[in-house]
Amino acid sequence: MLGFVPGKSAQEYKEHADTLLSECDAPVVKQVCDWWQSPECWYAYESKAGALWWGNNGGPKNYCDRLSEELSEHHDAPTICVRVSTPCFYCERDLFKADEKVELCVLSCACSTWYLHWKCRSKFIFPRCFKCSSLYSETTINKRLCSL
């Protein structure tokens, strides 16, 4: 398309468009230059669906139809399930499970927030933060994780 190719920066597209328009100010040249300044045009080169969408939404229909024949389907990355654990600040065992009612203590200071099992709270004897020296404020939570 008039020397525009995918993979350049927006600045390179703009410079190329300025060069083309300095040589020819035909409306069709201006239209192509405008297309290459829009993200919709860039997306058209990323997948078959992108090319078809752009062709149906203001892009060059015939060109996009041919482009879609050359592009592969875009596939999303596979979903990965990761087990997340929330350790108690004192004992480092997991604080809770999603389907169980939990009783935990939240200690907050000026710089941090610490989560502890309620039973571990009585063993944690420091009234002030070891990093910023401010007093802890304490909040007790007694709920199911899903309702927090």
N, C-alpha and C. Protein backbone atom coordinates (compact mmCIF):
# COMPACT_ATOMS: atom_id res chain seq x y z
N MET A 1 0.84 -1.19 0.00
CA MET A 1 0.00 0.00 0.00
C MET A 1 0.88 1.24 0.00
N LEU A 2 1.28 1.68 -1.15
CA LEU A 2 2.08 2.89 -1.33
C LEU A 2 3.37 2.88 -0.52
N GLY A 3 3.93 1.72 -0.32
CA GLY A 3 5.20 1.63 0.40
C GLY A 3 5.07 1.48 1.90
N PHE A 4 3.85 1.51 2.43
CA PHE A 4 3.66 1.27 3.86
C PHE A 4 3.75 -0.23 4.11
N VAL A 5 4.49 -0.61 5.10
CA VAL A 5 4.61 -2.02 5.47
C VAL A 5 4.46 -2.14 6.98
N PRO A 6 3.89 -3.25 7.47
CA PRO A 6 3.72 -3.42 8.91
C PRO A 6 5.07 -3.49 9.63
N GLY A 7 5.05 -3.12 10.89
CA GLY A 7 6.23 -3.28 11.73
C GLY A 7 7.05 -2.03 11.93
N LYS A 8 6.64 -0.92 11.38
CA LYS A 8 7.36 0.34 11.57
C LYS A 8 6.76 1.10 12.75
N SER A 9 7.43 2.14 13.17
CA SER A 9 6.92 2.95 14.28
C SER A 9 5.94 3.99 13.73
N ALA A 10 5.15 4.58 14.61
CA ALA A 10 4.20 5.62 14.20
C ALA A 10 4.95 6.80 13.58
N GLN A 11 6.13 7.11 14.11
CA GLN A 11 6.93 8.21 13.56
C GLN A 11 7.38 7.89 12.13
N GLU A 12 7.82 6.65 11.89
CA GLU A 12 8.24 6.26 10.54
C GLU A 12 7.08 6.31 9.55
N TYR A 13 5.89 5.89 10.01
CA TYR A 13 4.71 5.98 9.14
C TYR A 13 4.38 7.43 8.82
N LYS A 14 4.50 8.30 9.82
CA LYS A 14 4.20 9.72 9.63
C LYS A 14 5.20 10.34 8.65
N GLU A 15 6.47 10.03 8.81
CA GLU A 15 7.49 10.57 7.91
C GLU A 15 7.25 10.09 6.48
N HIS A 16 6.92 8.81 6.32
CA HIS A 16 6.64 8.27 4.98
C HIS A 16 5.40 8.96 4.38
N ALA A 17 4.38 9.15 5.22
CA ALA A 17 3.17 9.83 4.74
C ALA A 17 3.48 11.25 4.31
N ASP A 18 4.29 11.96 5.08
CA ASP A 18 4.65 13.34 4.72
C ASP A 18 5.39 13.38 3.39
N THR A 19 6.28 12.40 3.16
CA THR A 19 7.01 12.33 1.89
C THR A 19 6.05 12.09 0.73
N LEU A 20 5.14 11.12 0.90
CA LEU A 20 4.16 10.84 -0.16
C LEU A 20 3.28 12.05 -0.44
N LEU A 21 2.80 12.71 0.60
CA LEU A 21 1.89 13.84 0.41
C LEU A 21 2.59 15.07 -0.16
N SER A 22 3.90 15.16 0.05
CA SER A 22 4.63 16.29 -0.56
C SER A 22 4.76 16.10 -2.07
N GLU A 23 4.67 14.84 -2.53
CA GLU A 23 4.77 14.55 -3.96
C GLU A 23 3.41 14.48 -4.65
N CYS A 24 2.35 14.13 -3.90
CA CYS A 24 1.03 13.98 -4.49
C CYS A 24 -0.02 14.21 -3.41
N ASP A 25 -0.95 15.12 -3.69
CA ASP A 25 -1.98 15.40 -2.68
C ASP A 25 -3.35 14.82 -3.08
N ALA A 26 -3.34 13.76 -3.87
CA ALA A 26 -4.60 13.13 -4.29
C ALA A 26 -5.34 12.59 -3.07
N PRO A 27 -6.67 12.66 -3.07
CA PRO A 27 -7.45 12.19 -1.92
C PRO A 27 -7.19 10.72 -1.57
N VAL A 28 -6.97 9.88 -2.58
CA VAL A 28 -6.74 8.47 -2.30
C VAL A 28 -5.40 8.28 -1.57
N VAL A 29 -4.40 9.08 -1.91
CA VAL A 29 -3.11 9.00 -1.21
C VAL A 29 -3.27 9.48 0.23
N LYS A 30 -4.01 10.57 0.42
CA LYS A 30 -4.26 11.08 1.77
C LYS A 30 -5.01 10.03 2.59
N GLN A 31 -5.97 9.34 1.98
CA GLN A 31 -6.74 8.31 2.70
C GLN A 31 -5.83 7.18 3.17
N VAL A 32 -4.94 6.70 2.30
CA VAL A 32 -4.02 5.63 2.67
C VAL A 32 -3.09 6.11 3.78
N CYS A 33 -2.60 7.33 3.69
CA CYS A 33 -1.73 7.87 4.74
C CYS A 33 -2.47 7.96 6.07
N ASP A 34 -3.73 8.38 6.03
CA ASP A 34 -4.53 8.45 7.26
C ASP A 34 -4.76 7.06 7.85
N TRP A 35 -5.02 6.08 7.00
CA TRP A 35 -5.23 4.72 7.48
C TRP A 35 -4.02 4.24 8.29
N TRP A 36 -2.82 4.51 7.79
CA TRP A 36 -1.62 4.01 8.45
C TRP A 36 -1.28 4.76 9.73
N GLN A 37 -2.03 5.79 10.04
CA GLN A 37 -1.86 6.48 11.32
C GLN A 37 -2.84 5.97 12.36
N SER A 38 -3.73 5.04 11.97
CA SER A 38 -4.74 4.54 12.91
C SER A 38 -4.41 3.13 13.39
N PRO A 39 -4.66 2.84 14.66
CA PRO A 39 -4.41 1.49 15.19
C PRO A 39 -5.23 0.42 14.49
N GLU A 40 -6.42 0.77 13.99
CA GLU A 40 -7.25 -0.22 13.30
C GLU A 40 -6.50 -0.84 12.12
N CYS A 41 -5.75 -0.03 11.42
CA CYS A 41 -4.97 -0.54 10.30
C CYS A 41 -3.89 -1.48 10.80
N TRP A 42 -3.23 -1.15 11.87
CA TRP A 42 -2.16 -2.00 12.41
C TRP A 42 -2.73 -3.33 12.86
N TYR A 43 -3.90 -3.30 13.51
CA TYR A 43 -4.53 -4.55 13.99
C TYR A 43 -4.90 -5.46 12.83
N ALA A 44 -5.20 -4.85 11.68
CA ALA A 44 -5.60 -5.64 10.51
C ALA A 44 -4.49 -6.60 10.09
N TYR A 45 -3.26 -6.26 10.39
CA TYR A 45 -2.14 -7.11 9.99
C TYR A 45 -1.79 -8.16 11.04
N GLU A 46 -2.49 -8.12 12.18
CA GLU A 46 -2.19 -9.06 13.26
C GLU A 46 -2.99 -10.36 13.19
N SER A 47 -4.17 -10.33 12.59
CA SER A 47 -4.96 -11.56 12.53
C SER A 47 -5.98 -11.49 11.40
N LYS A 48 -6.45 -12.65 11.05
CA LYS A 48 -7.50 -12.77 10.02
C LYS A 48 -8.73 -11.96 10.45
N ALA A 49 -9.13 -12.11 11.72
CA ALA A 49 -10.31 -11.39 12.22
C ALA A 49 -10.08 -9.88 12.19
N GLY A 50 -8.85 -9.44 12.49
CA GLY A 50 -8.53 -8.01 12.46
C GLY A 50 -8.66 -7.44 11.07
N ALA A 51 -8.18 -8.17 10.08
CA ALA A 51 -8.27 -7.72 8.69
C ALA A 51 -9.73 -7.63 8.25
N LEU A 52 -10.51 -8.66 8.56
CA LEU A 52 -11.93 -8.64 8.19
C LEU A 52 -12.68 -7.52 8.88
N TRP A 53 -12.37 -7.30 10.16
CA TRP A 53 -13.05 -6.23 10.90
C TRP A 53 -12.75 -4.88 10.27
N TRP A 54 -11.47 -4.62 9.98
CA TRP A 54 -11.10 -3.33 9.41
C TRP A 54 -11.76 -3.14 8.05
N GLY A 55 -11.81 -4.18 7.24
CA GLY A 55 -12.46 -4.09 5.93
C GLY A 55 -13.94 -3.77 6.03
N ASN A 56 -14.59 -4.21 7.11
CA ASN A 56 -16.01 -3.93 7.31
C ASN A 56 -16.26 -2.65 8.09
N ASN A 57 -15.19 -1.99 8.54
CA ASN A 57 -15.34 -0.80 9.38
C ASN A 57 -14.46 0.36 8.92
N GLY A 58 -14.49 0.65 7.63
CA GLY A 58 -13.82 1.84 7.12
C GLY A 58 -12.52 1.59 6.39
N GLY A 59 -12.00 0.39 6.43
CA GLY A 59 -10.78 0.07 5.70
C GLY A 59 -11.10 -0.32 4.26
N PRO A 60 -10.06 -0.56 3.46
CA PRO A 60 -10.29 -0.96 2.06
C PRO A 60 -10.79 -2.41 2.00
N LYS A 61 -12.05 -2.58 1.68
CA LYS A 61 -12.73 -3.88 1.75
C LYS A 61 -12.02 -4.97 0.95
N ASN A 62 -11.76 -4.74 -0.31
CA ASN A 62 -11.13 -5.77 -1.16
C ASN A 62 -9.73 -6.12 -0.66
N TYR A 63 -8.98 -5.09 -0.31
CA TYR A 63 -7.62 -5.32 0.19
C TYR A 63 -7.65 -6.15 1.47
N CYS A 64 -8.55 -5.81 2.38
CA CYS A 64 -8.65 -6.53 3.65
C CYS A 64 -9.12 -7.97 3.46
N ASP A 65 -10.00 -8.19 2.52
CA ASP A 65 -10.44 -9.56 2.24
C ASP A 65 -9.25 -10.40 1.76
N ARG A 66 -8.44 -9.84 0.87
CA ARG A 66 -7.26 -10.56 0.39
C ARG A 66 -6.23 -10.73 1.51
N LEU A 67 -6.07 -9.69 2.32
CA LEU A 67 -5.13 -9.76 3.44
C LEU A 67 -5.54 -10.86 4.42
N SER A 68 -6.83 -10.98 4.68
CA SER A 68 -7.31 -12.00 5.64
C SER A 68 -7.00 -13.42 5.16
N GLU A 69 -6.93 -13.60 3.85
CA GLU A 69 -6.59 -14.93 3.31
C GLU A 69 -5.13 -15.29 3.58
N GLU A 70 -4.28 -14.29 3.76
CA GLU A 70 -2.85 -14.52 3.98
C GLU A 70 -2.51 -14.68 5.46
N LEU A 71 -3.37 -14.20 6.32
CA LEU A 71 -3.08 -14.21 7.76
C LEU A 71 -3.65 -15.45 8.44
N SER A 72 -3.01 -15.85 9.51
CA SER A 72 -3.51 -16.99 10.28
C SER A 72 -4.49 -16.50 11.34
N GLU A 73 -5.21 -17.44 11.90
CA GLU A 73 -6.11 -17.12 13.01
C GLU A 73 -5.28 -16.69 14.20
N HIS A 74 -5.78 -15.74 14.95
CA HIS A 74 -5.11 -15.30 16.17
C HIS A 74 -5.61 -16.15 17.32
N HIS A 75 -4.70 -16.78 18.01
CA HIS A 75 -5.07 -17.63 19.13
C HIS A 75 -4.59 -17.00 20.42
N ASP A 76 -5.47 -16.96 21.42
CA ASP A 76 -5.10 -16.43 22.72
C ASP A 76 -4.13 -17.39 23.40
N ALA A 77 -3.32 -16.84 24.25
CA ALA A 77 -2.38 -17.66 25.02
C ALA A 77 -3.18 -18.57 25.94
N PRO A 78 -2.67 -19.76 26.20
CA PRO A 78 -3.40 -20.67 27.09
C PRO A 78 -3.52 -20.11 28.49
N THR A 79 -4.62 -20.42 29.14
CA THR A 79 -4.84 -19.97 30.50
C THR A 79 -4.09 -20.88 31.45
N ILE A 80 -3.41 -20.28 32.39
CA ILE A 80 -2.63 -21.05 33.36
C ILE A 80 -3.23 -20.82 34.74
N CYS A 81 -3.53 -21.88 35.43
CA CYS A 81 -4.04 -21.77 36.80
C CYS A 81 -2.85 -21.86 37.75
N VAL A 82 -2.77 -20.89 38.62
CA VAL A 82 -1.68 -20.84 39.59
C VAL A 82 -2.27 -20.85 40.98
N ARG A 83 -1.75 -21.71 41.83
CA ARG A 83 -2.21 -21.74 43.21
C ARG A 83 -1.58 -20.57 43.94
N VAL A 84 -2.40 -19.75 44.53
CA VAL A 84 -1.92 -18.59 45.26
C VAL A 84 -2.05 -18.89 46.75
N SER A 85 -0.98 -18.69 47.46
CA SER A 85 -1.06 -18.88 48.91
C SER A 85 -0.81 -17.53 49.57
N THR A 86 -1.46 -17.34 50.68
CA THR A 86 -1.29 -16.13 51.47
C THR A 86 -0.73 -16.55 52.81
N PRO A 87 0.56 -16.36 53.00
CA PRO A 87 1.17 -16.85 54.23
C PRO A 87 0.93 -15.92 55.42
N CYS A 88 0.80 -16.51 56.56
CA CYS A 88 0.73 -15.77 57.82
C CYS A 88 2.10 -15.13 58.06
N PHE A 89 2.11 -13.89 58.47
CA PHE A 89 3.37 -13.19 58.70
C PHE A 89 4.17 -13.84 59.83
N TYR A 90 3.48 -14.43 60.78
CA TYR A 90 4.17 -15.03 61.93
C TYR A 90 4.64 -16.46 61.66
N CYS A 91 3.73 -17.35 61.28
CA CYS A 91 4.08 -18.77 61.13
C CYS A 91 4.36 -19.20 59.69
N GLU A 92 4.00 -18.35 58.73
CA GLU A 92 4.21 -18.58 57.31
C GLU A 92 3.38 -19.70 56.70
N ARG A 93 2.40 -20.24 57.44
CA ARG A 93 1.47 -21.20 56.85
C ARG A 93 0.36 -20.42 56.15
N ASP A 94 -0.32 -21.08 55.23
CA ASP A 94 -1.38 -20.43 54.48
C ASP A 94 -2.46 -19.91 55.42
N LEU A 95 -2.94 -18.71 55.16
CA LEU A 95 -3.93 -18.09 56.04
C LEU A 95 -5.32 -18.69 55.91
N PHE A 96 -5.75 -18.98 54.68
CA PHE A 96 -7.14 -19.42 54.51
C PHE A 96 -7.34 -20.11 53.18
N LYS A 97 -8.50 -20.71 53.07
CA LYS A 97 -8.96 -21.29 51.81
C LYS A 97 -10.24 -20.57 51.43
N ALA A 98 -10.53 -20.55 50.16
CA ALA A 98 -11.64 -19.74 49.65
C ALA A 98 -12.99 -20.12 50.24
N ASP A 99 -13.20 -21.40 50.57
CA ASP A 99 -14.52 -21.83 51.01
C ASP A 99 -14.66 -21.96 52.52
N GLU A 100 -13.65 -21.56 53.28
CA GLU A 100 -13.71 -21.70 54.73
C GLU A 100 -13.84 -20.34 55.40
N LYS A 101 -14.49 -20.32 56.52
CA LYS A 101 -14.55 -19.12 57.34
C LYS A 101 -13.19 -18.96 58.03
N VAL A 102 -12.67 -17.76 58.04
CA VAL A 102 -11.36 -17.52 58.62
C VAL A 102 -11.44 -16.49 59.73
N GLU A 103 -10.52 -16.59 60.65
CA GLU A 103 -10.36 -15.57 61.68
C GLU A 103 -8.91 -15.14 61.59
N LEU A 104 -8.71 -13.93 61.15
CA LEU A 104 -7.36 -13.45 61.00
C LEU A 104 -7.24 -12.02 61.49
N CYS A 105 -6.01 -11.60 61.68
CA CYS A 105 -5.71 -10.28 62.19
C CYS A 105 -4.89 -9.54 61.14
N VAL A 106 -5.23 -8.29 60.93
CA VAL A 106 -4.49 -7.44 60.01
C VAL A 106 -3.81 -6.36 60.83
N LEU A 107 -2.49 -6.33 60.77
CA LEU A 107 -1.71 -5.31 61.45
C LEU A 107 -1.22 -4.32 60.40
N SER A 108 -1.50 -3.04 60.61
CA SER A 108 -1.08 -2.02 59.66
C SER A 108 -0.27 -0.95 60.38
N CYS A 109 0.69 -0.42 59.66
CA CYS A 109 1.48 0.69 60.17
C CYS A 109 1.64 1.70 59.04
N ALA A 110 2.59 2.59 59.17
CA ALA A 110 2.80 3.61 58.14
C ALA A 110 3.39 3.04 56.85
N CYS A 111 4.08 1.91 56.95
CA CYS A 111 4.78 1.41 55.76
C CYS A 111 4.31 0.05 55.27
N SER A 112 3.58 -0.71 56.06
CA SER A 112 3.28 -2.08 55.69
C SER A 112 1.95 -2.55 56.24
N THR A 113 1.51 -3.69 55.72
CA THR A 113 0.34 -4.39 56.25
C THR A 113 0.74 -5.84 56.39
N TRP A 114 0.46 -6.42 57.56
CA TRP A 114 0.81 -7.81 57.85
C TRP A 114 -0.46 -8.57 58.18
N TYR A 115 -0.57 -9.79 57.68
CA TYR A 115 -1.72 -10.65 57.91
C TYR A 115 -1.27 -11.83 58.75
N LEU A 116 -2.03 -12.11 59.82
CA LEU A 116 -1.67 -13.19 60.74
C LEU A 116 -2.90 -14.00 61.09
N HIS A 117 -2.70 -15.30 61.39
CA HIS A 117 -3.77 -16.09 61.99
C HIS A 117 -4.12 -15.45 63.33
N TRP A 118 -5.36 -15.54 63.72
CA TRP A 118 -5.75 -14.95 65.00
C TRP A 118 -4.95 -15.57 66.15
N LYS A 119 -4.69 -16.86 66.08
CA LYS A 119 -3.92 -17.54 67.14
C LYS A 119 -2.46 -17.07 67.15
N CYS A 120 -1.95 -16.69 65.99
CA CYS A 120 -0.56 -16.22 65.92
C CYS A 120 -0.42 -14.78 66.43
N ARG A 121 -1.52 -14.04 66.44
CA ARG A 121 -1.47 -12.65 66.89
C ARG A 121 -0.96 -12.54 68.32
N SER A 122 -1.40 -13.41 69.18
CA SER A 122 -0.98 -13.33 70.59
C SER A 122 0.51 -13.66 70.76
N LYS A 123 1.08 -14.37 69.81
CA LYS A 123 2.50 -14.71 69.87
C LYS A 123 3.39 -13.60 69.28
N PHE A 124 2.77 -12.74 68.48
CA PHE A 124 3.50 -11.63 67.87
C PHE A 124 3.50 -10.48 68.86
N ILE A 125 4.62 -10.24 69.54
CA ILE A 125 4.63 -9.37 70.71
C ILE A 125 5.05 -7.93 70.44
N PHE A 126 5.45 -7.61 69.22
CA PHE A 126 5.96 -6.27 68.97
C PHE A 126 4.83 -5.26 68.76
N PRO A 127 4.79 -4.19 69.57
CA PRO A 127 3.73 -3.18 69.40
C PRO A 127 4.03 -2.19 68.27
N ARG A 128 5.30 -2.11 67.87
CA ARG A 128 5.72 -1.16 66.84
C ARG A 128 6.33 -1.90 65.65
N CYS A 129 6.21 -1.28 64.49
CA CYS A 129 6.79 -1.84 63.27
C CYS A 129 8.31 -1.86 63.37
N PHE A 130 8.90 -2.94 62.97
CA PHE A 130 10.36 -3.06 63.01
C PHE A 130 11.04 -2.26 61.90
N LYS A 131 10.25 -1.77 60.91
CA LYS A 131 10.83 -0.99 59.82
C LYS A 131 10.67 0.51 60.02
N CYS A 132 9.46 0.95 60.39
CA CYS A 132 9.20 2.40 60.49
C CYS A 132 8.97 2.88 61.92
N SER A 133 8.90 1.98 62.87
CA SER A 133 8.74 2.28 64.30
C SER A 133 7.38 2.86 64.69
N SER A 134 6.42 2.88 63.77
CA SER A 134 5.08 3.37 64.16
C SER A 134 4.30 2.24 64.82
N LEU A 135 3.32 2.63 65.63
CA LEU A 135 2.47 1.64 66.30
C LEU A 135 1.58 0.95 65.27
N TYR A 136 1.33 -0.33 65.50
CA TYR A 136 0.42 -1.08 64.62
C TYR A 136 -1.02 -0.73 64.96
N SER A 137 -1.84 -0.63 63.93
CA SER A 137 -3.29 -0.63 64.16
C SER A 137 -3.74 -2.05 63.84
N GLU A 138 -4.77 -2.49 64.50
CA GLU A 138 -5.18 -3.90 64.40
C GLU A 138 -6.63 -4.01 63.97
N THR A 139 -6.87 -4.89 63.01
CA THR A 139 -8.23 -5.18 62.55
C THR A 139 -8.42 -6.68 62.56
N THR A 140 -9.56 -7.13 63.07
CA THR A 140 -9.87 -8.55 63.08
C THR A 140 -10.88 -8.83 61.98
N ILE A 141 -10.65 -9.91 61.25
CA ILE A 141 -11.57 -10.35 60.19
C ILE A 141 -12.03 -11.75 60.54
N ASN A 142 -13.33 -11.95 60.50
CA ASN A 142 -13.90 -13.25 60.80
C ASN A 142 -14.99 -13.54 59.77
N LYS A 143 -14.58 -13.94 58.56
CA LYS A 143 -15.50 -14.13 57.44
C LYS A 143 -14.99 -15.20 56.48
N ARG A 144 -15.83 -15.53 55.52
CA ARG A 144 -15.38 -16.36 54.41
C ARG A 144 -14.66 -15.46 53.42
N LEU A 145 -13.63 -15.97 52.80
CA LEU A 145 -12.85 -15.21 51.84
C LEU A 145 -13.74 -14.66 50.72
N CYS A 146 -14.66 -15.46 50.25
CA CYS A 146 -15.51 -15.05 49.14
C CYS A 146 -16.39 -13.85 49.48
N SER A 147 -16.60 -13.58 50.75
CA SER A 147 -17.47 -12.46 51.14
C SER A 147 -16.68 -11.23 51.51
N LEU A 148 -15.36 -11.29 51.46
CA LEU A 148 -14.55 -10.11 51.82
C LEU A 148 -14.65 -9.05 50.76
